[in-house]
Structures are given as C-alpha cells and as structure tokens.
Amino acid sequence: NVFPFCPENGDFLALDLGGTNFRVLLVKIRSGKRRSVEMHNKIYAIPIEVMQGTGEELFDHIVHCISDFLDYMGMKSARLPLGFTFSFPCHQTSLDAGILVTWTKGFKATDCEGEDVVELLREAIKRKEVI
C-alpha cells in the first residue's frame, strides 16, 4: 500500500518551473485493494529568449508545453486538477496565489514581478483555449 492514508484518486497534472527546464508530469493514482501510483513526465527547455522576453511569452511557452504533453499522453481535451511548483521568491497570499517578488536563475521576463504567477498561468491558458 503505497499511500495508505491518501484519499485522492484520479489523474493529476504537476508543473515544475525552477530553472532552464520546465517539467510536466501526469500522476495517476488508483485506489482499491492494491493502491497504485503511476507517473509520466516530459522535460521542456526554456529558451533564453523566452526566459528574458515578456511574461506573456514565458507563460504562453509554458502552456504550449502543457498542451504538447497532453497531446503526447493522448489526453488533449482532458481537464485535470493541477499543481504548480514555481521555484522563485514569491509572497504566497493563498493556496492558489503567489506574487513574484523577484526573478532569479537568469530569468528576466518582463511584467511578472509583483504579479500573481498563478493568474499569469490562468491568463495564458485562456489565451490558448486548448487546455
């Protein structure tokens, strides 16, 4: 029993932006007598021109990667719960909101510092209208 006290069941997306790479994971948790966890992931490079371009370009790139991953997994139209690891200094104002304090690790995307990165992701998803 891998997670005996975990009540979650289903498919979940996990995003990890922490440097020059962006990782998208699909986590499949199945309950029953034999609880199982299956994970699939793909790593995407963040080009320097995206790291140092506009915030809109950065978050559009992130959404493009998510869309590509869902297509790769045969889940293009899936709507899944999502977790977002954003490894930059933020002021977390709630469970699903974080204000970027400053960029580090070579990132300089404009119009992001002082903004809620979760909202920037949501806006990019709306622009794409695919996920």
C-alpha atoms as a PDB file:
ATOM      1  CA  ASN A   1       0.000   0.000   0.000  1.00  0.00           C
ATOM      2  CA  VAL A   2       1.952   2.988  -1.318  1.00  0.00           C
ATOM      3  CA  PHE A   3      -0.124   5.787   0.266  1.00  0.00           C
ATOM      4  CA  PRO A   4      -2.381   4.176   2.895  1.00  0.00           C
ATOM      5  CA  PHE A   5      -3.862   7.476   4.105  1.00  0.00           C
ATOM      6  CA  CYS A   6      -4.147   9.268   0.754  1.00  0.00           C
ATOM      7  CA  PRO A   7      -7.832   9.715  -0.168  1.00  0.00           C
ATOM      8  CA  GLU A   8      -7.052  11.075  -3.636  1.00  0.00           C
ATOM      9  CA  ASN A   9      -7.926   9.055  -6.698  1.00  0.00           C
ATOM     10  CA  GLY A  10      -7.657  10.004 -10.351  1.00  0.00           C
ATOM     11  CA  ASP A  11      -5.364  11.818 -12.745  1.00  0.00           C
ATOM     12  CA  PHE A  12      -3.458  14.977 -11.819  1.00  0.00           C
ATOM     13  CA  LEU A  13      -1.063  17.330 -13.600  1.00  0.00           C
ATOM     14  CA  ALA A  14       2.022  18.655 -11.856  1.00  0.00           C
ATOM     15  CA  LEU A  15       4.098  21.512 -13.247  1.00  0.00           C
ATOM     16  CA  ASP A  16       7.605  22.408 -12.133  1.00  0.00           C
ATOM     17  CA  LEU A  17       9.298  25.616 -13.254  1.00  0.00           C
ATOM     18  CA  GLY A  18      12.551  26.093 -11.435  1.00  0.00           C
ATOM     19  CA  GLY A  19      15.287  26.877 -13.898  1.00  0.00           C
ATOM     20  CA  THR A  20      16.128  26.466 -17.554  1.00  0.00           C
ATOM     21  CA  ASN A  21      13.854  23.421 -17.765  1.00  0.00           C
ATOM     22  CA  PHE A  22      10.121  23.053 -17.282  1.00  0.00           C
ATOM     23  CA  ARG A  23       8.737  19.670 -16.261  1.00  0.00           C
ATOM     24  CA  VAL A  24       5.180  18.494 -16.837  1.00  0.00           C
ATOM     25  CA  LEU A  25       4.017  15.369 -15.009  1.00  0.00           C
ATOM     26  CA  LEU A  26       0.888  13.271 -15.160  1.00  0.00           C
ATOM     27  CA  VAL A  27       0.252  11.425 -11.900  1.00  0.00           C
ATOM     28  CA  LYS A  28      -2.324   8.628 -11.973  1.00  0.00           C
ATOM     29  CA  ILE A  29      -3.492   7.476  -8.550  1.00  0.00           C
ATOM     30  CA  ARG A  30      -5.713   4.402  -8.370  1.00  0.00           C
ATOM     31  CA  SER A  31      -7.456   3.139  -5.255  1.00  0.00           C
ATOM     32  CA  GLY A  32      -8.678  -0.308  -4.396  1.00  0.00           C
ATOM     33  CA  LYS A  33      -7.104  -3.272  -2.669  1.00  0.00           C
ATOM     34  CA  ARG A  34      -3.828  -2.512  -4.406  1.00  0.00           C
ATOM     35  CA  ARG A  35      -3.411   1.237  -4.470  1.00  0.00           C
ATOM     36  CA  SER A  36      -1.071   2.312  -7.254  1.00  0.00           C
ATOM     37  CA  VAL A  37       0.648   5.460  -8.415  1.00  0.00           C
ATOM     38  CA  GLU A  38       1.842   5.840 -11.985  1.00  0.00           C
ATOM     39  CA  MET A  39       3.806   8.875 -13.180  1.00  0.00           C
ATOM     40  CA  HIS A  40       4.706  10.108 -16.645  1.00  0.00           C
ATOM     41  CA  ASN A  41       6.732  13.221 -17.339  1.00  0.00           C
ATOM     42  CA  LYS A  42       8.361  15.239 -20.040  1.00  0.00           C
ATOM     43  CA  ILE A  43      11.015  17.924 -19.681  1.00  0.00           C
ATOM     44  CA  TYR A  44      10.972  21.029 -21.856  1.00  0.00           C
ATOM     45  CA  ALA A  45      13.773  23.552 -22.292  1.00  0.00           C
ATOM     46  CA  ILE A  46      13.068  27.204 -21.635  1.00  0.00           C
ATOM     47  CA  PRO A  47      14.958  29.096 -24.352  1.00  0.00           C
ATOM     48  CA  ILE A  48      16.994  32.077 -23.168  1.00  0.00           C
ATOM     49  CA  GLU A  49      14.928  34.429 -25.337  1.00  0.00           C
ATOM     50  CA  VAL A  50      11.787  33.223 -23.520  1.00  0.00           C
ATOM     51  CA  MET A  51      13.462  33.477 -20.081  1.00  0.00           C
ATOM     52  CA  GLN A  52      14.384  37.070 -20.830  1.00  0.00           C
ATOM     53  CA  GLY A  53      11.446  38.095 -23.034  1.00  0.00           C
ATOM     54  CA  THR A  54       7.985  39.116 -21.900  1.00  0.00           C
ATOM     55  CA  GLY A  55       5.962  37.427 -19.194  1.00  0.00           C
ATOM     56  CA  GLU A  56       3.277  36.719 -21.770  1.00  0.00           C
ATOM     57  CA  GLU A  57       5.801  34.870 -23.958  1.00  0.00           C
ATOM     58  CA  LEU A  58       7.040  32.856 -20.964  1.00  0.00           C
ATOM     59  CA  PHE A  59       3.603  31.770 -19.801  1.00  0.00           C
ATOM     60  CA  ASP A  60       2.463  31.113 -23.382  1.00  0.00           C
ATOM     61  CA  HIS A  61       5.500  28.826 -23.742  1.00  0.00           C
ATOM     62  CA  ILE A  62       4.548  27.023 -20.528  1.00  0.00           C
ATOM     63  CA  VAL A  63       1.007  26.485 -21.811  1.00  0.00           C
ATOM     64  CA  HIS A  64       2.363  25.278 -25.159  1.00  0.00           C
ATOM     65  CA  CYS A  65       4.435  22.684 -23.257  1.00  0.00           C
ATOM     66  CA  ILE A  66       1.390  21.561 -21.244  1.00  0.00           C
ATOM     67  CA  SER A  67      -0.651  21.244 -24.432  1.00  0.00           C
ATOM     68  CA  ASP A  68       2.127  19.264 -26.136  1.00  0.00           C
ATOM     69  CA  PHE A  69       2.394  16.932 -23.132  1.00  0.00           C
ATOM     70  CA  LEU A  70      -1.358  16.285 -23.009  1.00  0.00           C
ATOM     71  CA  ASP A  71      -1.296  15.551 -26.732  1.00  0.00           C
ATOM     72  CA  TYR A  72       1.695  13.212 -26.218  1.00  0.00           C
ATOM     73  CA  MET A  73      -0.252  11.385 -23.493  1.00  0.00           C
ATOM     74  CA  GLY A  74      -3.379  11.124 -25.681  1.00  0.00           C
ATOM     75  CA  MET A  75      -5.309  13.420 -23.325  1.00  0.00           C
ATOM     76  CA  LYS A  76      -5.618  16.582 -25.436  1.00  0.00           C
ATOM     77  CA  SER A  77      -9.076  17.562 -24.183  1.00  0.00           C
ATOM     78  CA  ALA A  78      -8.617  16.427 -20.570  1.00  0.00           C
ATOM     79  CA  ARG A  79      -9.424  18.844 -17.737  1.00  0.00           C
ATOM     80  CA  LEU A  80      -7.296  17.847 -14.760  1.00  0.00           C
ATOM     81  CA  PRO A  81      -6.504  19.179 -11.290  1.00  0.00           C
ATOM     82  CA  LEU A  82      -3.155  20.924 -11.453  1.00  0.00           C
ATOM     83  CA  GLY A  83      -0.325  21.691  -9.056  1.00  0.00           C
ATOM     84  CA  PHE A  84       2.259  24.346  -9.951  1.00  0.00           C
ATOM     85  CA  THR A  85       5.726  24.387  -8.386  1.00  0.00           C
ATOM     86  CA  PHE A  86       7.183  27.808  -9.105  1.00  0.00           C
ATOM     87  CA  SER A  87      10.690  27.903  -7.642  1.00  0.00           C
ATOM     88  CA  PHE A  88      11.252  31.631  -7.440  1.00  0.00           C
ATOM     89  CA  PRO A  89      10.808  34.019  -4.491  1.00  0.00           C
ATOM     90  CA  CYS A  90       7.085  34.644  -4.070  1.00  0.00           C
ATOM     91  CA  HIS A  91       4.784  36.046  -1.443  1.00  0.00           C
ATOM     92  CA  GLN A  92       2.106  33.368  -1.169  1.00  0.00           C
ATOM     93  CA  THR A  93      -1.194  35.109  -0.476  1.00  0.00           C
ATOM     94  CA  SER A  94      -3.370  31.978  -0.571  1.00  0.00           C
ATOM     95  CA  LEU A  95      -3.181  28.313  -1.543  1.00  0.00           C
ATOM     96  CA  ASP A  96      -3.576  29.222  -5.209  1.00  0.00           C
ATOM     97  CA  ALA A  97      -1.937  32.635  -5.411  1.00  0.00           C
ATOM     98  CA  GLY A  98       1.649  33.835  -5.241  1.00  0.00           C
ATOM     99  CA  ILE A  99       3.129  37.230  -6.038  1.00  0.00           C
ATOM    100  CA  LEU A 100       6.547  37.019  -7.706  1.00  0.00           C
ATOM    101  CA  VAL A 101       8.981  39.079  -5.618  1.00  0.00           C
ATOM    102  CA  THR A 102      11.959  38.879  -7.970  1.00  0.00           C
ATOM    103  CA  TRP A 103      13.338  36.702 -10.713  1.00  0.00           C
ATOM    104  CA  THR A 104      16.460  34.605 -10.113  1.00  0.00           C
ATOM    105  CA  LYS A 105      18.350  31.911 -12.081  1.00  0.00           C
ATOM    106  CA  GLY A 106      18.758  34.052 -15.199  1.00  0.00           C
ATOM    107  CA  PHE A 107      15.038  34.780 -15.680  1.00  0.00           C
ATOM    108  CA  LYS A 108      14.117  38.372 -16.513  1.00  0.00           C
ATOM    109  CA  ALA A 109      10.697  38.049 -18.155  1.00  0.00           C
ATOM    110  CA  THR A 110       9.009  41.437 -18.052  1.00  0.00           C
ATOM    111  CA  ASP A 111       5.683  42.263 -16.430  1.00  0.00           C
ATOM    112  CA  CYS A 112       5.855  39.388 -13.916  1.00  0.00           C
ATOM    113  CA  GLU A 113       7.470  40.796 -10.782  1.00  0.00           C
ATOM    114  CA  GLY A 114       4.749  42.000  -8.440  1.00  0.00           C
ATOM    115  CA  GLU A 115       2.176  39.848 -10.252  1.00  0.00           C
ATOM    116  CA  ASP A 116       0.330  36.691  -9.222  1.00  0.00           C
ATOM    117  CA  VAL A 117       2.043  33.898 -11.173  1.00  0.00           C
ATOM    118  CA  VAL A 118      -0.989  31.614 -10.877  1.00  0.00           C
ATOM    119  CA  GLU A 119      -3.121  34.287 -12.526  1.00  0.00           C
ATOM    120  CA  LEU A 120      -0.486  34.720 -15.247  1.00  0.00           C
ATOM    121  CA  LEU A 121      -0.746  30.976 -15.905  1.00  0.00           C
ATOM    122  CA  ARG A 122      -4.556  31.122 -15.950  1.00  0.00           C
ATOM    123  CA  GLU A 123      -4.493  34.021 -18.413  1.00  0.00           C
ATOM    124  CA  ALA A 124      -2.115  32.128 -20.715  1.00  0.00           C
ATOM    125  CA  ILE A 125      -4.402  29.078 -20.577  1.00  0.00           C
ATOM    126  CA  LYS A 126      -7.363  31.275 -21.564  1.00  0.00           C
ATOM    127  CA  ARG A 127      -5.353  32.726 -24.472  1.00  0.00           C
ATOM    128  CA  LYS A 128      -4.553  29.219 -25.718  1.00  0.00           C
ATOM    129  CA  GLU A 129      -8.137  27.939 -25.260  1.00  0.00           C
ATOM    130  CA  VAL A 130      -6.913  24.352 -25.649  1.00  0.00           C
ATOM    131  CA  ILE A 131      -6.385  23.091 -22.124  1.00  0.00           C
END
